[in-house]
Amino acid sequence: MVSFGDKQIPLRTVLKMYAAELLPELMQELENPNAVISQNKAYKQFGQANVMRWVKERKLQPVAKRPGKIEYRVSDLRICQNRFQDYL
């Protein structure tokens, strides 16, 4: 059981709610592995400091650089996100 304030909800129900929320996004990534997102959206999803650090460490390369538009491959961002970070 998971407690939310005055409610207790079974863990299975909580996991189903989270899965229903995340599944469409994950399916879209699986269907299109070369999907790209803008730098601004990458900052919002993965954290601006993280994205800037990955670019600085050359772990992440922009896919497209046009005037006023920098894009990153979502799969590359996920790889960087899941990699162990030893930067302290």
PDB file of N, CA and C in Angstrom:
ATOM      1  N   MET A   1       0.846  -1.179   0.000  1.00  0.00           N
ATOM      2  CA  MET A   1       0.000   0.000   0.000  1.00  0.00           C
ATOM      3  C   MET A   1       0.893   1.245   0.000  1.00  0.00           C
ATOM      4  N   VAL A   2       0.472   2.224  -0.773  1.00  0.00           N
ATOM      5  CA  VAL A   2       1.171   3.494  -0.857  1.00  0.00           C
ATOM      6  C   VAL A   2       0.265   4.549  -0.252  1.00  0.00           C
ATOM      7  N   SER A   3       0.825   5.372   0.643  1.00  0.00           N
ATOM      8  CA  SER A   3       0.033   6.402   1.313  1.00  0.00           C
ATOM      9  C   SER A   3       0.166   7.738   0.599  1.00  0.00           C
ATOM     10  N   PHE A   4      -0.969   8.352   0.294  1.00  0.00           N
ATOM     11  CA  PHE A   4      -1.044   9.693  -0.284  1.00  0.00           C
ATOM     12  C   PHE A   4      -1.930  10.523   0.631  1.00  0.00           C
ATOM     13  N   GLY A   5      -1.321  11.213   1.559  1.00  0.00           N
ATOM     14  CA  GLY A   5      -2.100  12.018   2.489  1.00  0.00           C
ATOM     15  C   GLY A   5      -3.024  11.150   3.319  1.00  0.00           C
ATOM     16  N   ASP A   6      -4.326  11.257   3.074  1.00  0.00           N
ATOM     17  CA  ASP A   6      -5.310  10.494   3.837  1.00  0.00           C
ATOM     18  C   ASP A   6      -5.749   9.218   3.120  1.00  0.00           C
ATOM     19  N   LYS A   7      -5.161   8.937   1.941  1.00  0.00           N
ATOM     20  CA  LYS A   7      -5.557   7.755   1.163  1.00  0.00           C
ATOM     21  C   LYS A   7      -4.442   6.719   1.153  1.00  0.00           C
ATOM     22  N   GLN A   8      -4.839   5.468   1.049  1.00  0.00           N
ATOM     23  CA  GLN A   8      -3.892   4.382   0.830  1.00  0.00           C
ATOM     24  C   GLN A   8      -4.330   3.656  -0.427  1.00  0.00           C
ATOM     25  N   ILE A   9      -3.403   3.585  -1.395  1.00  0.00           N
ATOM     26  CA  ILE A   9      -3.706   2.971  -2.683  1.00  0.00           C
ATOM     27  C   ILE A   9      -2.758   1.793  -2.879  1.00  0.00           C
ATOM     28  N   PRO A  10      -3.258   0.676  -3.392  1.00  0.00           N
ATOM     29  CA  PRO A  10      -2.375  -0.466  -3.651  1.00  0.00           C
ATOM     30  C   PRO A  10      -1.275  -0.102  -4.647  1.00  0.00           C
ATOM     31  N   LEU A  11      -0.096  -0.619  -4.413  1.00  0.00           N
ATOM     32  CA  LEU A  11       1.058  -0.329  -5.263  1.00  0.00           C
ATOM     33  C   LEU A  11       0.771  -0.687  -6.719  1.00  0.00           C
ATOM     34  N   ARG A  12       0.089  -1.780  -6.942  1.00  0.00           N
ATOM     35  CA  ARG A  12      -0.244  -2.216  -8.307  1.00  0.00           C
ATOM     36  C   ARG A  12      -1.048  -1.140  -9.051  1.00  0.00           C
ATOM     37  N   THR A  13      -1.975  -0.495  -8.369  1.00  0.00           N
ATOM     38  CA  THR A  13      -2.788   0.563  -8.970  1.00  0.00           C
ATOM     39  C   THR A  13      -1.925   1.776  -9.301  1.00  0.00           C
ATOM     40  N   VAL A  14      -1.022   2.147  -8.409  1.00  0.00           N
ATOM     41  CA  VAL A  14      -0.130   3.291  -8.638  1.00  0.00           C
ATOM     42  C   VAL A  14       0.753   3.018  -9.845  1.00  0.00           C
ATOM     43  N   LEU A  15       1.306   1.809  -9.926  1.00  0.00           N
ATOM     44  CA  LEU A  15       2.167   1.463 -11.049  1.00  0.00           C
ATOM     45  C   LEU A  15       1.399   1.477 -12.368  1.00  0.00           C
ATOM     46  N   LYS A  16       0.164   1.023 -12.360  1.00  0.00           N
ATOM     47  CA  LYS A  16      -0.661   1.051 -13.568  1.00  0.00           C
ATOM     48  C   LYS A  16      -0.921   2.484 -14.021  1.00  0.00           C
ATOM     49  N   MET A  17      -1.151   3.391 -13.068  1.00  0.00           N
ATOM     50  CA  MET A  17      -1.382   4.790 -13.418  1.00  0.00           C
ATOM     51  C   MET A  17      -0.133   5.400 -14.056  1.00  0.00           C
ATOM     52  N   TYR A  18       1.034   5.145 -13.474  1.00  0.00           N
ATOM     53  CA  TYR A  18       2.286   5.661 -14.032  1.00  0.00           C
ATOM     54  C   TYR A  18       2.573   5.049 -15.396  1.00  0.00           C
ATOM     55  N   ALA A  19       2.324   3.762 -15.545  1.00  0.00           N
ATOM     56  CA  ALA A  19       2.564   3.094 -16.825  1.00  0.00           C
ATOM     57  C   ALA A  19       1.658   3.673 -17.909  1.00  0.00           C
ATOM     58  N   ALA A  20       0.409   3.927 -17.581  1.00  0.00           N
ATOM     59  CA  ALA A  20      -0.515   4.501 -18.557  1.00  0.00           C
ATOM     60  C   ALA A  20      -0.064   5.896 -18.984  1.00  0.00           C
ATOM     61  N   GLU A  21       0.561   6.619 -18.077  1.00  0.00           N
ATOM     62  CA  GLU A  21       1.040   7.967 -18.376  1.00  0.00           C
ATOM     63  C   GLU A  21       2.307   7.933 -19.243  1.00  0.00           C
ATOM     64  N   LEU A  22       3.201   6.997 -18.974  1.00  0.00           N
ATOM     65  CA  LEU A  22       4.490   6.956 -19.664  1.00  0.00           C
ATOM     66  C   LEU A  22       4.492   6.116 -20.936  1.00  0.00           C
ATOM     67  N   LEU A  23       3.586   5.179 -21.053  1.00  0.00           N
ATOM     68  CA  LEU A  23       3.596   4.253 -22.179  1.00  0.00           C
ATOM     69  C   LEU A  23       3.524   4.930 -23.545  1.00  0.00           C
ATOM     70  N   PRO A  24       2.639   5.900 -23.780  1.00  0.00           N
ATOM     71  CA  PRO A  24       2.608   6.524 -25.110  1.00  0.00           C
ATOM     72  C   PRO A  24       3.940   7.162 -25.510  1.00  0.00           C
ATOM     73  N   GLU A  25       4.593   7.818 -24.570  1.00  0.00           N
ATOM     74  CA  GLU A  25       5.885   8.448 -24.858  1.00  0.00           C
ATOM     75  C   GLU A  25       6.953   7.401 -25.183  1.00  0.00           C
ATOM     76  N   LEU A  26       6.986   6.325 -24.421  1.00  0.00           N
ATOM     77  CA  LEU A  26       7.969   5.273 -24.667  1.00  0.00           C
ATOM     78  C   LEU A  26       7.707   4.557 -25.993  1.00  0.00           C
ATOM     79  N   MET A  27       6.455   4.319 -26.324  1.00  0.00           N
ATOM     80  CA  MET A  27       6.120   3.673 -27.594  1.00  0.00           C
ATOM     81  C   MET A  27       6.538   4.543 -28.773  1.00  0.00           C
ATOM     82  N   GLN A  28       6.359   5.839 -28.647  1.00  0.00           N
ATOM     83  CA  GLN A  28       6.761   6.755 -29.714  1.00  0.00           C
ATOM     84  C   GLN A  28       8.271   6.698 -29.929  1.00  0.00           C
ATOM     85  N   GLU A  29       9.035   6.611 -28.845  1.00  0.00           N
ATOM     86  CA  GLU A  29      10.485   6.515 -28.960  1.00  0.00           C
ATOM     87  C   GLU A  29      10.911   5.203 -29.603  1.00  0.00           C
ATOM     88  N   LEU A  30      10.224   4.117 -29.272  1.00  0.00           N
ATOM     89  CA  LEU A  30      10.554   2.824 -29.854  1.00  0.00           C
ATOM     90  C   LEU A  30      10.209   2.763 -31.340  1.00  0.00           C
ATOM     91  N   GLU A  31       9.114   3.386 -31.728  1.00  0.00           N
ATOM     92  CA  GLU A  31       8.701   3.378 -33.128  1.00  0.00           C
ATOM     93  C   GLU A  31       9.625   4.225 -33.995  1.00  0.00           C
ATOM     94  N   ASN A  32      10.142   5.305 -33.445  1.00  0.00           N
ATOM     95  CA  ASN A  32      10.996   6.203 -34.203  1.00  0.00           C
ATOM     96  C   ASN A  32      12.291   6.446 -33.426  1.00  0.00           C
ATOM     97  N   PRO A  33      13.292   5.557 -33.570  1.00  0.00           N
ATOM     98  CA  PRO A  33      14.522   5.697 -32.788  1.00  0.00           C
ATOM     99  C   PRO A  33      15.356   6.916 -33.173  1.00  0.00           C
ATOM    100  N   ASN A  34      15.112   7.501 -34.332  1.00  0.00           N
ATOM    101  CA  ASN A  34      15.871   8.668 -34.769  1.00  0.00           C
ATOM    102  C   ASN A  34      15.139   9.971 -34.505  1.00  0.00           C
ATOM    103  N   ALA A  35      14.153   9.942 -33.622  1.00  0.00           N
ATOM    104  CA  ALA A  35      13.385  11.140 -33.303  1.00  0.00           C
ATOM    105  C   ALA A  35      14.305  12.185 -32.680  1.00  0.00           C
ATOM    106  N   VAL A  36      14.065  13.432 -33.016  1.00  0.00           N
ATOM    107  CA  VAL A  36      14.869  14.526 -32.472  1.00  0.00           C
ATOM    108  C   VAL A  36      13.957  15.500 -31.750  1.00  0.00           C
ATOM    109  N   ILE A  37      14.537  16.177 -30.761  1.00  0.00           N
ATOM    110  CA  ILE A  37      13.817  17.226 -30.052  1.00  0.00           C
ATOM    111  C   ILE A  37      14.702  18.457 -30.003  1.00  0.00           C
ATOM    112  N   SER A  38      14.087  19.592 -29.820  1.00  0.00           N
ATOM    113  CA  SER A  38      14.829  20.850 -29.771  1.00  0.00           C
ATOM    114  C   SER A  38      15.626  20.941 -28.476  1.00  0.00           C
ATOM    115  N   GLN A  39      16.590  21.826 -28.491  1.00  0.00           N
ATOM    116  CA  GLN A  39      17.432  22.020 -27.310  1.00  0.00           C
ATOM    117  C   GLN A  39      16.586  22.477 -26.124  1.00  0.00           C
ATOM    118  N   ASN A  40      15.629  23.346 -26.371  1.00  0.00           N
ATOM    119  CA  ASN A  40      14.774  23.851 -25.299  1.00  0.00           C
ATOM    120  C   ASN A  40      13.974  22.724 -24.655  1.00  0.00           C
ATOM    121  N   LYS A  41      13.423  21.837 -25.483  1.00  0.00           N
ATOM    122  CA  LYS A  41      12.653  20.713 -24.950  1.00  0.00           C
ATOM    123  C   LYS A  41      13.573  19.741 -24.217  1.00  0.00           C
ATOM    124  N   ALA A  42      14.795  19.538 -24.716  1.00  0.00           N
ATOM    125  CA  ALA A  42      15.764  18.682 -24.034  1.00  0.00           C
ATOM    126  C   ALA A  42      16.103  19.256 -22.664  1.00  0.00           C
ATOM    127  N   TYR A  43      16.260  20.571 -22.588  1.00  0.00           N
ATOM    128  CA  TYR A  43      16.535  21.223 -21.303  1.00  0.00           C
ATOM    129  C   TYR A  43      15.400  20.947 -20.311  1.00  0.00           C
ATOM    130  N   LYS A  44      14.157  21.033 -20.784  1.00  0.00           N
ATOM    131  CA  LYS A  44      13.016  20.834 -19.893  1.00  0.00           C
ATOM    132  C   LYS A  44      12.899  19.377 -19.441  1.00  0.00           C
ATOM    133  N   GLN A  45      13.143  18.425 -20.355  1.00  0.00           N
ATOM    134  CA  GLN A  45      12.962  17.018 -20.017  1.00  0.00           C
ATOM    135  C   GLN A  45      14.127  16.440 -19.219  1.00  0.00           C
ATOM    136  N   PHE A  46      15.353  16.842 -19.535  1.00  0.00           N
ATOM    137  CA  PHE A  46      16.530  16.205 -18.944  1.00  0.00           C
ATOM    138  C   PHE A  46      17.326  17.131 -18.034  1.00  0.00           C
ATOM    139  N   GLY A  47      16.937  18.377 -17.947  1.00  0.00           N
ATOM    140  CA  GLY A  47      17.627  19.345 -17.105  1.00  0.00           C
ATOM    141  C   GLY A  47      18.690  20.088 -17.905  1.00  0.00           C
ATOM    142  N   GLN A  48      18.656  21.402 -17.836  1.00  0.00           N
ATOM    143  CA  GLN A  48      19.581  22.215 -18.617  1.00  0.00           C
ATOM    144  C   GLN A  48      21.030  21.935 -18.242  1.00  0.00           C
ATOM    145  N   ALA A  49      21.316  21.822 -16.962  1.00  0.00           N
ATOM    146  CA  ALA A  49      22.690  21.571 -16.525  1.00  0.00           C
ATOM    147  C   ALA A  49      23.190  20.221 -17.045  1.00  0.00           C
ATOM    148  N   ASN A  50      22.337  19.213 -17.034  1.00  0.00           N
ATOM    149  CA  ASN A  50      22.729  17.894 -17.529  1.00  0.00           C
ATOM    150  C   ASN A  50      23.077  17.944 -19.009  1.00  0.00           C
ATOM    151  N   VAL A  51      22.194  18.533 -19.812  1.00  0.00           N
ATOM    152  CA  VAL A  51      22.427  18.590 -21.258  1.00  0.00           C
ATOM    153  C   VAL A  51      23.699  19.382 -21.558  1.00  0.00           C
ATOM    154  N   MET A  52      23.867  20.505 -20.895  1.00  0.00           N
ATOM    155  CA  MET A  52      25.073  21.317 -21.123  1.00  0.00           C
ATOM    156  C   MET A  52      26.331  20.550 -20.731  1.00  0.00           C
ATOM    157  N   ARG A  53      26.282  19.797 -19.623  1.00  0.00           N
ATOM    158  CA  ARG A  53      27.436  19.012 -19.194  1.00  0.00           C
ATOM    159  C   ARG A  53      27.749  17.903 -20.193  1.00  0.00           C
ATOM    160  N   TRP A  54      26.726  17.207 -20.694  1.00  0.00           N
ATOM    161  CA  TRP A  54      26.950  16.134 -21.664  1.00  0.00           C
ATOM    162  C   TRP A  54      27.562  16.663 -22.950  1.00  0.00           C
ATOM    163  N   VAL A  55      27.129  17.853 -23.384  1.00  0.00           N
ATOM    164  CA  VAL A  55      27.701  18.458 -24.593  1.00  0.00           C
ATOM    165  C   VAL A  55      29.150  18.858 -24.327  1.00  0.00           C
ATOM    166  N   LYS A  56      29.392  19.454 -23.169  1.00  0.00           N
ATOM    167  CA  LYS A  56      30.754  19.883 -22.822  1.00  0.00           C
ATOM    168  C   LYS A  56      31.706  18.693 -22.730  1.00  0.00           C
ATOM    169  N   GLU A  57      31.235  17.565 -22.191  1.00  0.00           N
ATOM    170  CA  GLU A  57      32.058  16.358 -22.074  1.00  0.00           C
ATOM    171  C   GLU A  57      32.086  15.547 -23.369  1.00  0.00           C
ATOM    172  N   ARG A  58      31.435  16.043 -24.402  1.00  0.00           N
ATOM    173  CA  ARG A  58      31.361  15.395 -25.722  1.00  0.00           C
ATOM    174  C   ARG A  58      30.680  14.019 -25.675  1.00  0.00           C
ATOM    175  N   LYS A  59      29.779  13.855 -24.733  1.00  0.00           N
ATOM    176  CA  LYS A  59      28.978  12.634 -24.668  1.00  0.00           C
ATOM    177  C   LYS A  59      27.714  12.784 -25.506  1.00  0.00           C
ATOM    178  N   LEU A  60      27.386  14.011 -25.887  1.00  0.00           N
ATOM    179  CA  LEU A  60      26.178  14.303 -26.647  1.00  0.00           C
ATOM    180  C   LEU A  60      26.536  15.289 -27.757  1.00  0.00           C
ATOM    181  N   GLN A  61      26.132  14.954 -28.974  1.00  0.00           N
ATOM    182  CA  GLN A  61      26.388  15.812 -30.126  1.00  0.00           C
ATOM    183  C   GLN A  61      25.059  16.267 -30.716  1.00  0.00           C
ATOM    184  N   PRO A  62      24.957  17.539 -31.092  1.00  0.00           N
ATOM    185  CA  PRO A  62      23.725  17.982 -31.757  1.00  0.00           C
ATOM    186  C   PRO A  62      23.583  17.301 -33.120  1.00  0.00           C
ATOM    187  N   VAL A  63      22.356  16.986 -33.472  1.00  0.00           N
ATOM    188  CA  VAL A  63      22.080  16.363 -34.767  1.00  0.00           C
ATOM    189  C   VAL A  63      21.982  17.438 -35.842  1.00  0.00           C
ATOM    190  N   ALA A  64      21.308  18.511 -35.532  1.00  0.00           N
ATOM    191  CA  ALA A  64      21.101  19.582 -36.503  1.00  0.00           C
ATOM    192  C   ALA A  64      21.395  20.918 -35.845  1.00  0.00           C
ATOM    193  N   LYS A  65      22.171  21.714 -36.546  1.00  0.00           N
ATOM    194  CA  LYS A  65      22.434  23.083 -36.095  1.00  0.00           C
ATOM    195  C   LYS A  65      22.029  24.015 -37.228  1.00  0.00           C
ATOM    196  N   ARG A  66      20.921  24.672 -37.029  1.00  0.00           N
ATOM    197  CA  ARG A  66      20.466  25.675 -37.977  1.00  0.00           C
ATOM    198  C   ARG A  66      20.421  26.994 -37.227  1.00  0.00           C
ATOM    199  N   PRO A  67      20.374  28.075 -37.925  1.00  0.00           N
ATOM    200  CA  PRO A  67      20.292  29.363 -37.219  1.00  0.00           C
ATOM    201  C   PRO A  67      19.105  29.393 -36.258  1.00  0.00           C
ATOM    202  N   GLY A  68      19.401  29.500 -34.981  1.00  0.00           N
ATOM    203  CA  GLY A  68      18.365  29.567 -33.956  1.00  0.00           C
ATOM    204  C   GLY A  68      17.735  28.233 -33.602  1.00  0.00           C
ATOM    205  N   LYS A  69      18.285  27.117 -34.082  1.00  0.00           N
ATOM    206  CA  LYS A  69      17.670  25.804 -33.825  1.00  0.00           C
ATOM    207  C   LYS A  69      18.764  24.758 -33.645  1.00  0.00           C
ATOM    208  N   ILE A  70      18.826  24.166 -32.452  1.00  0.00           N
ATOM    209  CA  ILE A  70      19.736  23.063 -32.166  1.00  0.00           C
ATOM    210  C   ILE A  70      18.875  21.892 -31.727  1.00  0.00           C
ATOM    211  N   GLU A  71      19.124  20.717 -32.324  1.00  0.00           N
ATOM    212  CA  GLU A  71      18.311  19.549 -32.012  1.00  0.00           C
ATOM    213  C   GLU A  71      19.201  18.385 -31.601  1.00  0.00           C
ATOM    214  N   TYR A  72      18.663  17.535 -30.720  1.00  0.00           N
ATOM    215  CA  TYR A  72      19.370  16.353 -30.238  1.00  0.00           C
ATOM    216  C   TYR A  72      18.515  15.119 -30.486  1.00  0.00           C
ATOM    217  N   ARG A  73      19.159  13.995 -30.723  1.00  0.00           N
ATOM    218  CA  ARG A  73      18.454  12.728 -30.892  1.00  0.00           C
ATOM    219  C   ARG A  73      17.999  12.254 -29.509  1.00  0.00           C
ATOM    220  N   VAL A  74      16.730  11.871 -29.391  1.00  0.00           N
ATOM    221  CA  VAL A  74      16.159  11.450 -28.108  1.00  0.00           C
ATOM    222  C   VAL A  74      16.886  10.209 -27.586  1.00  0.00           C
ATOM    223  N   SER A  75      17.230   9.286 -28.469  1.00  0.00           N
ATOM    224  CA  SER A  75      17.919   8.069 -28.029  1.00  0.00           C
ATOM    225  C   SER A  75      19.283   8.405 -27.413  1.00  0.00           C
ATOM    226  N   ASP A  76      19.997   9.396 -27.964  1.00  0.00           N
ATOM    227  CA  ASP A  76      21.279   9.806 -27.389  1.00  0.00           C
ATOM    228  C   ASP A  76      21.095  10.426 -26.007  1.00  0.00           C
ATOM    229  N   LEU A  77      20.043  11.203 -25.846  1.00  0.00           N
ATOM    230  CA  LEU A  77      19.749  11.800 -24.543  1.00  0.00           C
ATOM    231  C   LEU A  77      19.432  10.728 -23.509  1.00  0.00           C
ATOM    232  N   ARG A  78      18.670   9.714 -23.907  1.00  0.00           N
ATOM    233  CA  ARG A  78      18.344   8.621 -22.976  1.00  0.00           C
ATOM    234  C   ARG A  78      19.595   7.845 -22.577  1.00  0.00           C
ATOM    235  N   ILE A  79      20.510   7.621 -23.518  1.00  0.00           N
ATOM    236  CA  ILE A  79      21.757   6.922 -23.206  1.00  0.00           C
ATOM    237  C   ILE A  79      22.552   7.717 -22.180  1.00  0.00           C
ATOM    238  N   CYS A  80      22.662   9.017 -22.382  1.00  0.00           N
ATOM    239  CA  CYS A  80      23.384   9.864 -21.423  1.00  0.00           C
ATOM    240  C   CYS A  80      22.685   9.873 -20.064  1.00  0.00           C
ATOM    241  N   GLN A  81      21.374   9.890 -20.080  1.00  0.00           N
ATOM    242  CA  GLN A  81      20.611   9.904 -18.836  1.00  0.00           C
ATOM    243  C   GLN A  81      20.827   8.627 -18.038  1.00  0.00           C
ATOM    244  N   ASN A  82      20.909   7.500 -18.714  1.00  0.00           N
ATOM    245  CA  ASN A  82      21.037   6.213 -18.027  1.00  0.00           C
ATOM    246  C   ASN A  82      22.473   5.856 -17.668  1.00  0.00           C
ATOM    247  N   ARG A  83      23.443   6.580 -18.193  1.00  0.00           N
ATOM    248  CA  ARG A  83      24.851   6.324 -17.906  1.00  0.00           C
ATOM    249  C   ARG A  83      25.172   6.792 -16.480  1.00  0.00           C
ATOM    250  N   PHE A  84      26.002   6.024 -15.794  1.00  0.00           N
ATOM    251  CA  PHE A  84      26.421   6.405 -14.445  1.00  0.00           C
ATOM    252  C   PHE A  84      27.196   7.720 -14.502  1.00  0.00           C
ATOM    253  N   GLN A  85      26.803   8.686 -13.697  1.00  0.00           N
ATOM    254  CA  GLN A  85      27.438  10.008 -13.707  1.00  0.00           C
ATOM    255  C   GLN A  85      28.407  10.107 -12.533  1.00  0.00           C
ATOM    256  N   ASP A  86      29.683  10.188 -12.838  1.00  0.00           N
ATOM    257  CA  ASP A  86      30.702  10.330 -11.806  1.00  0.00           C
ATOM    258  C   ASP A  86      31.392  11.682 -11.982  1.00  0.00           C
ATOM    259  N   TYR A  87      30.673  12.749 -11.705  1.00  0.00           N
ATOM    260  CA  TYR A  87      31.192  14.092 -11.938  1.00  0.00           C
ATOM    261  C   TYR A  87      31.491  14.845 -10.657  1.00  0.00           C
ATOM    262  N   LEU A  88      31.355  14.204  -9.511  1.00  0.00           N
ATOM    263  CA  LEU A  88      31.621  14.900  -8.239  1.00  0.00           C
ATOM    264  C   LEU A  88      33.075  14.832  -7.870  1.00  0.00           C
TER     265      LEU A  88
END
